[in-house]
C-alpha atoms as a PDB file:
ATOM      1  CA  MET A   1     -29.418  25.395 -49.389  1.00  0.00           C
ATOM      2  CA  ILE A   2     -28.478  22.858 -52.021  1.00  0.00           C
ATOM      3  CA  GLU A   3     -25.345  23.763 -53.975  1.00  0.00           C
ATOM      4  CA  LEU A   4     -25.564  21.790 -57.199  1.00  0.00           C
ATOM      5  CA  VAL A   5     -22.447  21.999 -59.358  1.00  0.00           C
ATOM      6  CA  VAL A   6     -22.810  20.903 -62.983  1.00  0.00           C
ATOM      7  CA  VAL A   7     -19.541  19.717 -64.536  1.00  0.00           C
ATOM      8  CA  SER A   8     -18.321  17.595 -67.407  1.00  0.00           C
ATOM      9  CA  GLY A   9     -15.103  15.766 -68.131  1.00  0.00           C
ATOM     10  CA  LYS A  10     -14.888  17.417 -71.552  1.00  0.00           C
ATOM     11  CA  GLY A  11     -16.334  20.445 -73.248  1.00  0.00           C
ATOM     12  CA  GLY A  12     -19.194  20.464 -75.721  1.00  0.00           C
ATOM     13  CA  VAL A  13     -21.342  17.757 -74.136  1.00  0.00           C
ATOM     14  CA  GLY A  14     -24.258  20.032 -73.183  1.00  0.00           C
ATOM     15  CA  LYS A  15     -23.372  21.195 -69.676  1.00  0.00           C
ATOM     16  CA  THR A  16     -24.722  24.731 -70.078  1.00  0.00           C
ATOM     17  CA  THR A  17     -27.848  23.446 -71.838  1.00  0.00           C
ATOM     18  CA  VAL A  18     -28.554  21.312 -68.774  1.00  0.00           C
ATOM     19  CA  SER A  19     -27.668  24.050 -66.244  1.00  0.00           C
ATOM     20  CA  SER A  20     -29.871  26.700 -67.839  1.00  0.00           C
ATOM     21  CA  SER A  21     -32.851  24.366 -68.121  1.00  0.00           C
ATOM     22  CA  LEU A  22     -32.568  23.165 -64.517  1.00  0.00           C
ATOM     23  CA  ALA A  23     -32.384  26.753 -63.252  1.00  0.00           C
ATOM     24  CA  LEU A  24     -35.502  27.709 -65.217  1.00  0.00           C
ATOM     25  CA  LEU A  25     -37.432  24.613 -64.118  1.00  0.00           C
ATOM     26  CA  ALA A  26     -36.596  25.250 -60.463  1.00  0.00           C
ATOM     27  CA  ASN A  27     -37.628  28.889 -60.815  1.00  0.00           C
ATOM     28  CA  ARG A  28     -40.955  27.889 -62.353  1.00  0.00           C
ATOM     29  CA  LYS A  29     -41.636  25.520 -59.462  1.00  0.00           C
ATOM     30  CA  GLY A  30     -41.301  28.422 -57.039  1.00  0.00           C
ATOM     31  CA  TYR A  31     -37.833  27.762 -55.635  1.00  0.00           C
ATOM     32  CA  MET A  32     -35.611  30.735 -54.916  1.00  0.00           C
ATOM     33  CA  VAL A  33     -32.738  30.098 -57.317  1.00  0.00           C
ATOM     34  CA  VAL A  34     -29.327  31.650 -57.805  1.00  0.00           C
ATOM     35  CA  ALA A  35     -27.354  30.603 -60.897  1.00  0.00           C
ATOM     36  CA  ALA A  36     -23.613  31.004 -61.351  1.00  0.00           C
ATOM     37  CA  ASP A  37     -21.352  30.556 -64.371  1.00  0.00           C
ATOM     38  CA  ALA A  38     -17.973  29.344 -63.122  1.00  0.00           C
ATOM     39  CA  ASP A  39     -16.639  28.387 -66.550  1.00  0.00           C
ATOM     40  CA  VAL A  40     -14.472  31.495 -66.319  1.00  0.00           C
ATOM     41  CA  ASP A  41     -12.430  30.800 -69.469  1.00  0.00           C
ATOM     42  CA  ALA A  42     -15.551  30.711 -71.653  1.00  0.00           C
ATOM     43  CA  PRO A  43     -18.704  31.735 -69.745  1.00  0.00           C
ATOM     44  CA  ASN A  44     -21.915  31.452 -71.779  1.00  0.00           C
ATOM     45  CA  LEU A  45     -24.730  30.765 -69.327  1.00  0.00           C
ATOM     46  CA  SER A  46     -25.831  34.388 -69.657  1.00  0.00           C
ATOM     47  CA  LEU A  47     -26.373  33.833 -73.397  1.00  0.00           C
ATOM     48  CA  LEU A  48     -29.272  31.509 -72.533  1.00  0.00           C
ATOM     49  CA  LEU A  49     -30.583  33.156 -69.364  1.00  0.00           C
ATOM     50  CA  GLY A  50     -30.088  36.773 -70.463  1.00  0.00           C
ATOM     51  CA  GLY A  51     -30.714  39.639 -68.094  1.00  0.00           C
ATOM     52  CA  ASP A  52     -29.594  43.085 -67.010  1.00  0.00           C
ATOM     53  CA  LEU A  53     -26.267  43.878 -65.384  1.00  0.00           C
ATOM     54  CA  VAL A  54     -26.684  44.798 -61.712  1.00  0.00           C
ATOM     55  CA  GLU A  55     -23.078  45.162 -60.586  1.00  0.00           C
ATOM     56  CA  GLU A  56     -19.572  44.269 -61.668  1.00  0.00           C
ATOM     57  CA  LYS A  57     -16.201  44.175 -59.946  1.00  0.00           C
ATOM     58  CA  ARG A  58     -12.640  43.401 -60.899  1.00  0.00           C
ATOM     59  CA  VAL A  59     -10.791  40.607 -59.094  1.00  0.00           C
ATOM     60  CA  SER A  60      -7.123  40.033 -58.402  1.00  0.00           C
ATOM     61  CA  VAL A  61      -6.013  36.419 -58.057  1.00  0.00           C
ATOM     62  CA  SER A  62      -2.377  36.507 -59.181  1.00  0.00           C
ATOM     63  CA  GLU A  63       0.829  38.520 -59.028  1.00  0.00           C
ATOM     64  CA  LYS A  64       3.267  39.728 -61.662  1.00  0.00           C
ATOM     65  CA  ALA A  65       6.626  41.470 -61.804  1.00  0.00           C
ATOM     66  CA  PHE A  66       7.068  45.198 -62.338  1.00  0.00           C
ATOM     67  CA  ILE A  67      10.343  47.053 -62.931  1.00  0.00           C
ATOM     68  CA  ASP A  68      10.866  50.545 -61.495  1.00  0.00           C
ATOM     69  CA  GLN A  69      12.743  52.204 -64.343  1.00  0.00           C
ATOM     70  CA  GLU A  70      14.090  54.950 -62.074  1.00  0.00           C
ATOM     71  CA  LEU A  71      15.747  52.410 -59.766  1.00  0.00           C
ATOM     72  CA  CYS A  72      16.840  49.965 -62.466  1.00  0.00           C
ATOM     73  CA  GLU A  73      20.591  49.947 -63.130  1.00  0.00           C
ATOM     74  CA  LYS A  74      20.166  47.883 -66.311  1.00  0.00           C
ATOM     75  CA  CYS A  75      22.426  45.105 -65.076  1.00  0.00           C
ATOM     76  CA  GLY A  76      20.345  42.445 -66.862  1.00  0.00           C
ATOM     77  CA  LYS A  77      20.259  39.941 -64.001  1.00  0.00           C
ATOM     78  CA  CYS A  78      16.458  39.765 -64.110  1.00  0.00           C
ATOM     79  CA  TYR A  79      16.564  39.213 -67.866  1.00  0.00           C
ATOM     80  CA  GLU A  80      19.084  36.394 -67.535  1.00  0.00           C
ATOM     81  CA  SER A  81      17.204  34.688 -64.692  1.00  0.00           C
ATOM     82  CA  CYS A  82      13.675  34.661 -66.149  1.00  0.00           C
ATOM     83  CA  VAL A  83      12.868  31.132 -67.343  1.00  0.00           C
ATOM     84  CA  PHE A  84       9.560  32.294 -68.826  1.00  0.00           C
ATOM     85  CA  ASP A  85      11.181  34.854 -71.162  1.00  0.00           C
ATOM     86  CA  SER A  86       8.832  37.480 -69.805  1.00  0.00           C
ATOM     87  CA  ILE A  87      11.508  40.194 -69.561  1.00  0.00           C
ATOM     88  CA  GLU A  88      12.612  41.903 -72.744  1.00  0.00           C
ATOM     89  CA  LYS A  89      15.226  44.477 -73.659  1.00  0.00           C
ATOM     90  CA  LEU A  90      13.875  47.897 -74.588  1.00  0.00           C
ATOM     91  CA  ASN A  91      15.854  51.081 -75.265  1.00  0.00           C
ATOM     92  CA  GLY A  92      18.843  49.826 -73.356  1.00  0.00           C
ATOM     93  CA  GLY A  93      16.742  48.791 -70.359  1.00  0.00           C
ATOM     94  CA  TYR A  94      14.370  45.987 -69.432  1.00  0.00           C
ATOM     95  CA  VAL A  95      10.580  45.669 -69.283  1.00  0.00           C
ATOM     96  CA  VAL A  96       8.203  42.909 -68.181  1.00  0.00           C
ATOM     97  CA  VAL A  97       5.813  41.430 -70.727  1.00  0.00           C
ATOM     98  CA  SER A  98       2.852  40.907 -68.433  1.00  0.00           C
ATOM     99  CA  MET A  99       1.198  38.162 -70.479  1.00  0.00           C
ATOM    100  CA  TYR A 100       4.211  35.875 -70.096  1.00  0.00           C
ATOM    101  CA  CYS A 101       4.984  36.625 -66.437  1.00  0.00           C
ATOM    102  CA  GLU A 102       4.082  33.899 -63.914  1.00  0.00           C
ATOM    103  CA  GLY A 103       4.922  35.962 -60.839  1.00  0.00           C
ATOM    104  CA  CYS A 104       7.478  33.436 -59.588  1.00  0.00           C
ATOM    105  CA  GLY A 105       9.612  36.123 -57.915  1.00  0.00           C
ATOM    106  CA  VAL A 106      13.052  35.079 -59.188  1.00  0.00           C
ATOM    107  CA  CYS A 107      13.630  38.454 -60.840  1.00  0.00           C
ATOM    108  CA  GLU A 108      12.809  40.244 -57.600  1.00  0.00           C
ATOM    109  CA  ALA A 109      15.228  37.989 -55.695  1.00  0.00           C
ATOM    110  CA  VAL A 110      18.190  38.563 -58.020  1.00  0.00           C
ATOM    111  CA  CYS A 111      17.776  42.330 -58.469  1.00  0.00           C
ATOM    112  CA  PRO A 112      20.652  43.974 -56.534  1.00  0.00           C
ATOM    113  CA  VAL A 113      18.911  47.337 -56.082  1.00  0.00           C
ATOM    114  CA  GLY A 114      15.296  46.303 -55.420  1.00  0.00           C
ATOM    115  CA  ALA A 115      14.010  47.692 -58.700  1.00  0.00           C
ATOM    116  CA  VAL A 116      11.816  44.650 -59.374  1.00  0.00           C
ATOM    117  CA  LYS A 117       8.672  44.100 -57.329  1.00  0.00           C
ATOM    118  CA  ILE A 118       6.043  41.352 -57.403  1.00  0.00           C
ATOM    119  CA  GLU A 119       2.626  42.962 -57.056  1.00  0.00           C
ATOM    120  CA  PRO A 120      -1.023  41.863 -57.298  1.00  0.00           C
ATOM    121  CA  VAL A 121      -2.752  42.431 -60.632  1.00  0.00           C
ATOM    122  CA  GLU A 122      -6.399  42.489 -61.643  1.00  0.00           C
ATOM    123  CA  ASN A 123      -6.977  39.646 -64.078  1.00  0.00           C
ATOM    124  CA  GLY A 124     -10.678  38.918 -64.098  1.00  0.00           C
ATOM    125  CA  ARG A 125     -14.129  40.202 -63.297  1.00  0.00           C
ATOM    126  CA  ILE A 126     -17.303  39.022 -61.606  1.00  0.00           C
ATOM    127  CA  SER A 127     -20.642  40.300 -62.893  1.00  0.00           C
ATOM    128  CA  VAL A 128     -24.042  39.989 -61.266  1.00  0.00           C
ATOM    129  CA  PHE A 129     -27.103  40.000 -63.513  1.00  0.00           C
ATOM    130  CA  LYS A 130     -30.808  39.860 -62.942  1.00  0.00           C
ATOM    131  CA  SER A 131     -31.771  37.165 -65.421  1.00  0.00           C
ATOM    132  CA  ARG A 132     -34.765  37.723 -67.663  1.00  0.00           C
ATOM    133  CA  PHE A 133     -36.584  35.148 -65.524  1.00  0.00           C
ATOM    134  CA  GLY A 134     -36.058  37.221 -62.388  1.00  0.00           C
ATOM    135  CA  PHE A 135     -33.485  35.191 -60.449  1.00  0.00           C
ATOM    136  CA  PRO A 136     -29.867  36.345 -59.929  1.00  0.00           C
ATOM    137  CA  LEU A 137     -27.022  35.184 -62.152  1.00  0.00           C
ATOM    138  CA  VAL A 138     -23.352  35.495 -61.170  1.00  0.00           C
ATOM    139  CA  VAL A 139     -20.811  35.280 -64.005  1.00  0.00           C
ATOM    140  CA  GLY A 140     -17.015  35.040 -63.769  1.00  0.00           C
ATOM    141  CA  GLN A 141     -14.669  35.961 -66.605  1.00  0.00           C
ATOM    142  CA  LEU A 142     -10.886  35.508 -66.692  1.00  0.00           C
ATOM    143  CA  ASP A 143      -9.081  38.142 -68.757  1.00  0.00           C
ATOM    144  CA  VAL A 144      -7.596  36.978 -72.061  1.00  0.00           C
ATOM    145  CA  GLY A 145      -4.131  35.504 -71.655  1.00  0.00           C
ATOM    146  CA  GLU A 146      -4.287  35.469 -67.854  1.00  0.00           C
ATOM    147  CA  SER A 147      -3.750  32.535 -65.505  1.00  0.00           C
ATOM    148  CA  GLY A 148      -5.430  31.665 -62.216  1.00  0.00           C
ATOM    149  CA  SER A 149      -8.761  30.324 -63.494  1.00  0.00           C
ATOM    150  CA  GLY A 150      -9.130  28.082 -60.434  1.00  0.00           C
ATOM    151  CA  LYS A 151      -8.871  31.062 -58.105  1.00  0.00           C
ATOM    152  CA  VAL A 152     -11.399  33.062 -60.136  1.00  0.00           C
ATOM    153  CA  VAL A 153     -13.781  30.081 -59.918  1.00  0.00           C
ATOM    154  CA  SER A 154     -13.441  30.190 -56.124  1.00  0.00           C
ATOM    155  CA  GLU A 155     -14.216  33.927 -56.160  1.00  0.00           C
ATOM    156  CA  VAL A 156     -17.311  33.338 -58.302  1.00  0.00           C
ATOM    157  CA  LYS A 157     -18.621  30.640 -55.975  1.00  0.00           C
ATOM    158  CA  GLU A 158     -17.983  32.781 -52.906  1.00  0.00           C
ATOM    159  CA  GLU A 159     -19.853  35.692 -54.460  1.00  0.00           C
ATOM    160  CA  ALA A 160     -22.736  33.399 -55.468  1.00  0.00           C
ATOM    161  CA  ARG A 161     -22.950  31.879 -51.982  1.00  0.00           C
ATOM    162  CA  LYS A 162     -23.115  35.306 -50.357  1.00  0.00           C
ATOM    163  CA  LEU A 163     -25.850  36.362 -52.763  1.00  0.00           C
ATOM    164  CA  ALA A 164     -27.763  33.110 -52.230  1.00  0.00           C
ATOM    165  CA  LYS A 165     -27.626  33.608 -48.469  1.00  0.00           C
ATOM    166  CA  ARG A 166     -28.780  37.201 -48.809  1.00  0.00           C
ATOM    167  CA  VAL A 167     -31.858  36.295 -50.875  1.00  0.00           C
ATOM    168  CA  GLU A 168     -32.471  33.082 -48.861  1.00  0.00           C
ATOM    169  CA  ALA A 169     -32.158  30.860 -51.917  1.00  0.00           C
ATOM    170  CA  SER A 170     -32.944  27.165 -51.610  1.00  0.00           C
ATOM    171  CA  LEU A 171     -30.897  26.188 -54.668  1.00  0.00           C
ATOM    172  CA  LEU A 172     -27.576  27.417 -56.037  1.00  0.00           C
ATOM    173  CA  ILE A 173     -26.834  26.005 -59.489  1.00  0.00           C
ATOM    174  CA  VAL A 174     -23.218  26.386 -60.589  1.00  0.00           C
ATOM    175  CA  ASP A 175     -22.377  25.840 -64.248  1.00  0.00           C
ATOM    176  CA  GLY A 176     -18.810  24.641 -63.766  1.00  0.00           C
ATOM    177  CA  PRO A 177     -15.850  24.403 -66.137  1.00  0.00           C
ATOM    178  CA  PRO A 178     -15.122  21.336 -68.266  1.00  0.00           C
ATOM    179  CA  GLY A 179     -12.166  19.049 -67.669  1.00  0.00           C
ATOM    180  CA  ALA A 180     -10.515  17.804 -64.494  1.00  0.00           C
ATOM    181  CA  GLY A 181      -7.985  20.558 -63.801  1.00  0.00           C
ATOM    182  CA  CYS A 182      -7.674  23.075 -60.996  1.00  0.00           C
ATOM    183  CA  SER A 183     -10.727  25.070 -62.111  1.00  0.00           C
ATOM    184  CA  ALA A 184     -12.925  21.939 -61.995  1.00  0.00           C
ATOM    185  CA  ILE A 185     -11.534  21.076 -58.555  1.00  0.00           C
ATOM    186  CA  SER A 186     -12.371  24.604 -57.344  1.00  0.00           C
ATOM    187  CA  ALA A 187     -15.904  24.317 -58.709  1.00  0.00           C
ATOM    188  CA  ILE A 188     -16.571  20.929 -57.124  1.00  0.00           C
ATOM    189  CA  SER A 189     -15.005  21.742 -53.756  1.00  0.00           C
ATOM    190  CA  GLY A 190     -17.634  22.535 -51.149  1.00  0.00           C
ATOM    191  CA  ALA A 191     -20.613  21.448 -53.263  1.00  0.00           C
ATOM    192  CA  SER A 192     -23.437  19.526 -51.638  1.00  0.00           C
ATOM    193  CA  HIS A 193     -24.221  17.666 -54.862  1.00  0.00           C
ATOM    194  CA  VAL A 194     -22.569  17.265 -58.268  1.00  0.00           C
ATOM    195  CA  LEU A 195     -24.283  16.655 -61.587  1.00  0.00           C
ATOM    196  CA  LEU A 196     -22.026  15.292 -64.330  1.00  0.00           C
ATOM    197  CA  VAL A 197     -22.999  15.705 -67.959  1.00  0.00           C
ATOM    198  CA  THR A 198     -21.496  13.308 -70.479  1.00  0.00           C
ATOM    199  CA  GLU A 199     -22.114  11.774 -73.882  1.00  0.00           C
ATOM    200  CA  PRO A 200     -21.725   8.202 -75.192  1.00  0.00           C
ATOM    201  CA  THR A 201     -18.242   8.342 -76.684  1.00  0.00           C
ATOM    202  CA  LYS A 202     -15.008   6.734 -75.558  1.00  0.00           C
ATOM    203  CA  ALA A 203     -13.363  10.127 -75.098  1.00  0.00           C
ATOM    204  CA  ALA A 204     -16.243  11.385 -72.960  1.00  0.00           C
ATOM    205  CA  ARG A 205     -16.249   8.226 -70.857  1.00  0.00           C
ATOM    206  CA  HIS A 206     -12.513   8.533 -70.247  1.00  0.00           C
ATOM    207  CA  ASP A 207     -12.850  12.167 -69.178  1.00  0.00           C
ATOM    208  CA  LEU A 208     -15.909  11.338 -67.074  1.00  0.00           C
ATOM    209  CA  GLU A 209     -13.838   8.871 -65.069  1.00  0.00           C
ATOM    210  CA  ARG A 210     -11.214  11.557 -64.460  1.00  0.00           C
ATOM    211  CA  VAL A 211     -13.681  14.075 -63.057  1.00  0.00           C
ATOM    212  CA  LEU A 212     -15.433  11.323 -61.076  1.00  0.00           C
ATOM    213  CA  SER A 213     -12.148  10.729 -59.263  1.00  0.00           C
ATOM    214  CA  ILE A 214     -12.339  14.317 -58.011  1.00  0.00           C
ATOM    215  CA  VAL A 215     -15.961  13.941 -56.906  1.00  0.00           C
ATOM    216  CA  ASN A 216     -15.160  10.713 -55.062  1.00  0.00           C
ATOM    217  CA  HIS A 217     -12.136  12.331 -53.443  1.00  0.00           C
ATOM    218  CA  PHE A 218     -14.429  14.909 -51.827  1.00  0.00           C
ATOM    219  CA  GLY A 219     -17.083  12.289 -51.084  1.00  0.00           C
ATOM    220  CA  ILE A 220     -19.872  14.308 -52.700  1.00  0.00           C
ATOM    221  CA  PRO A 221     -23.128  12.627 -53.807  1.00  0.00           C
ATOM    222  CA  PHE A 222     -23.474  12.741 -57.582  1.00  0.00           C
ATOM    223  CA  GLY A 223     -25.767  12.013 -60.457  1.00  0.00           C
ATOM    224  CA  VAL A 224     -25.163  11.780 -64.190  1.00  0.00           C
ATOM    225  CA  VAL A 225     -27.001  12.963 -67.281  1.00  0.00           C
ATOM    226  CA  VAL A 226     -26.094  11.237 -70.553  1.00  0.00           C
ATOM    227  CA  ASN A 227     -26.709  13.647 -73.412  1.00  0.00           C
ATOM    228  CA  ARG A 228     -27.485  12.367 -76.931  1.00  0.00           C
ATOM    229  CA  PHE A 229     -27.562   8.869 -75.464  1.00  0.00           C
ATOM    230  CA  ASP A 230     -29.135   7.398 -78.611  1.00  0.00           C
ATOM    231  CA  ALA A 231     -26.056   8.249 -80.696  1.00  0.00           C
ATOM    232  CA  TYR A 232     -24.314   5.182 -79.241  1.00  0.00           C
ATOM    233  CA  PRO A 233     -26.747   3.180 -77.040  1.00  0.00           C
ATOM    234  CA  GLU A 234     -24.177   0.505 -76.162  1.00  0.00           C
ATOM    235  CA  MET A 235     -21.790   3.078 -74.715  1.00  0.00           C
ATOM    236  CA  SER A 236     -24.678   4.748 -72.880  1.00  0.00           C
ATOM    237  CA  SER A 237     -25.469   1.427 -71.195  1.00  0.00           C
ATOM    238  CA  GLU A 238     -21.796   0.992 -70.348  1.00  0.00           C
ATOM    239  CA  ILE A 239     -21.672   4.437 -68.726  1.00  0.00           C
ATOM    240  CA  SER A 240     -24.872   3.710 -66.779  1.00  0.00           C
ATOM    241  CA  ARG A 241     -23.353   0.524 -65.354  1.00  0.00           C
ATOM    242  CA  LEU A 242     -20.184   2.396 -64.426  1.00  0.00           C
ATOM    243  CA  ILE A 243     -22.147   5.043 -62.545  1.00  0.00           C
ATOM    244  CA  GLU A 244     -24.206   2.477 -60.649  1.00  0.00           C
ATOM    245  CA  ASP A 245     -21.055   0.575 -59.666  1.00  0.00           C
ATOM    246  CA  LEU A 246     -19.584   3.811 -58.271  1.00  0.00           C
ATOM    247  CA  GLY A 247     -22.675   4.551 -56.194  1.00  0.00           C
ATOM    248  CA  GLY A 248     -24.102   7.293 -58.369  1.00  0.00           C
ATOM    249  CA  GLU A 249     -27.379   7.610 -60.233  1.00  0.00           C
ATOM    250  CA  VAL A 250     -28.213   8.235 -63.880  1.00  0.00           C
ATOM    251  CA  LEU A 251     -30.774  11.016 -63.591  1.00  0.00           C
ATOM    252  CA  ALA A 252     -31.709  11.204 -67.253  1.00  0.00           C
ATOM    253  CA  LEU A 253     -30.899   9.941 -70.727  1.00  0.00           C
ATOM    254  CA  ILE A 254     -31.357  12.881 -73.084  1.00  0.00           C
ATOM    255  CA  PRO A 255     -32.076  11.919 -76.701  1.00  0.00           C
ATOM    256  CA  SER A 256     -30.759  13.734 -79.755  1.00  0.00           C
ATOM    257  CA  ASP A 257     -33.123  16.624 -80.396  1.00  0.00           C
ATOM    258  CA  GLU A 258     -32.949  19.362 -83.043  1.00  0.00           C
ATOM    259  CA  GLU A 259     -34.865  21.667 -80.715  1.00  0.00           C
ATOM    260  CA  VAL A 260     -31.761  21.923 -78.546  1.00  0.00           C
ATOM    261  CA  VAL A 261     -29.867  23.425 -81.476  1.00  0.00           C
ATOM    262  CA  HIS A 262     -32.710  25.825 -82.267  1.00  0.00           C
ATOM    263  CA  ALA A 263     -32.872  26.876 -78.613  1.00  0.00           C
ATOM    264  CA  ILE A 264     -29.138  27.603 -78.432  1.00  0.00           C
ATOM    265  CA  VAL A 265     -29.269  29.623 -81.651  1.00  0.00           C
ATOM    266  CA  GLY A 266     -32.228  31.542 -80.239  1.00  0.00           C
ATOM    267  CA  GLY A 267     -30.485  32.177 -76.909  1.00  0.00           C
ATOM    268  CA  GLN A 268     -32.996  30.171 -74.860  1.00  0.00           C
ATOM    269  CA  PRO A 269     -33.023  27.161 -72.535  1.00  0.00           C
ATOM    270  CA  VAL A 270     -34.569  24.295 -74.476  1.00  0.00           C
ATOM    271  CA  VAL A 271     -37.297  23.827 -71.832  1.00  0.00           C
ATOM    272  CA  GLU A 272     -38.412  27.388 -72.601  1.00  0.00           C
ATOM    273  CA  ARG A 273     -38.373  27.153 -76.370  1.00  0.00           C
ATOM    274  CA  ALA A 274     -39.748  23.635 -76.765  1.00  0.00           C
ATOM    275  CA  PRO A 275     -41.158  22.389 -73.446  1.00  0.00           C
ATOM    276  CA  SER A 276     -42.651  19.263 -75.010  1.00  0.00           C
ATOM    277  CA  SER A 277     -39.600  18.196 -77.011  1.00  0.00           C
ATOM    278  CA  PRO A 278     -37.856  14.894 -76.168  1.00  0.00           C
ATOM    279  CA  ALA A 279     -34.858  16.679 -74.639  1.00  0.00           C
ATOM    280  CA  SER A 280     -37.082  18.903 -72.498  1.00  0.00           C
ATOM    281  CA  ARG A 281     -39.030  15.925 -71.185  1.00  0.00           C
ATOM    282  CA  ALA A 282     -35.783  14.201 -70.203  1.00  0.00           C
ATOM    283  CA  LEU A 283     -34.541  17.346 -68.458  1.00  0.00           C
ATOM    284  CA  LYS A 284     -37.815  17.618 -66.546  1.00  0.00           C
ATOM    285  CA  GLU A 285     -37.305  14.035 -65.428  1.00  0.00           C
ATOM    286  CA  ALA A 286     -33.833  14.936 -64.162  1.00  0.00           C
ATOM    287  CA  PHE A 287     -35.196  17.958 -62.320  1.00  0.00           C
ATOM    288  CA  GLU A 288     -37.928  15.894 -60.649  1.00  0.00           C
ATOM    289  CA  ARG A 289     -35.234  13.661 -59.189  1.00  0.00           C
ATOM    290  CA  ILE A 290     -33.181  16.652 -58.083  1.00  0.00           C
ATOM    291  CA  GLU A 291     -36.320  18.156 -56.568  1.00  0.00           C
ATOM    292  CA  LYS A 292     -36.470  15.257 -54.129  1.00  0.00           C
ATOM    293  CA  LEU A 293     -33.194  16.562 -52.668  1.00  0.00           C
ATOM    294  CA  LEU A 294     -34.812  19.946 -52.121  1.00  0.00           C
ATOM    295  CA  GLU A 295     -37.830  18.394 -50.471  1.00  0.00           C
ATOM    296  CA  ARG A 296     -35.619  16.462 -48.052  1.00  0.00           C
END
């Protein structure tokens, strides 16, 4: 099975547009596909692929402090020791404000009577859908205000891999998170191939180089799609040279195309809404190159 992870150094460059179209194209060619949305802070792949909820489960990837009010002697040592200001005074006692707590354990260590405990908390969910095209879609969502996005990404990928193995999928497409932080590292780790989506701006090039350092660290083969390449052709050429120098391949140059906007507004992959549009033709070109990996 090919595990293709689609990432970008920055948000808003068209990563989900590319992921949804590639999943649909692979499905139409007869490949058994599983799609996963690992952008757990802002998942939106399901907005384009749609579908019906099959199952959902809560996940626990972090710990937080809890104060047993019956044991608490109200000495205030936990309150004085918390560097995150997550413990507040209330009615003469102390309570933990969960949103601020990092689960560091200092409060538990300083409590003289064992009234403070660090315990696992549920802070996200993983949902499995049957997309409207028939193939499975796994979506991760971190709860608002919670930390641990990298760990939730790992849980999403593990769930998607198990599902892909169960249905004997030949291609797992993971729509990863933007940036180059821990969540991007979790998404890229273990992938067989990485597809980077970028655009021809200095900011996007800078962020592309950051995420490329992660890909090169793991030694994973990669390709690049330059979205809206005609907005700044000189920068597009510069990015293409950079990729070739680093041993990668530019799989497609996607032109600016109003049909992409119309497709997003309509909740569709662009290759579904406007299969003959310039952007769709470029995405089909990218898929044909990715298809060679499947054939090998």
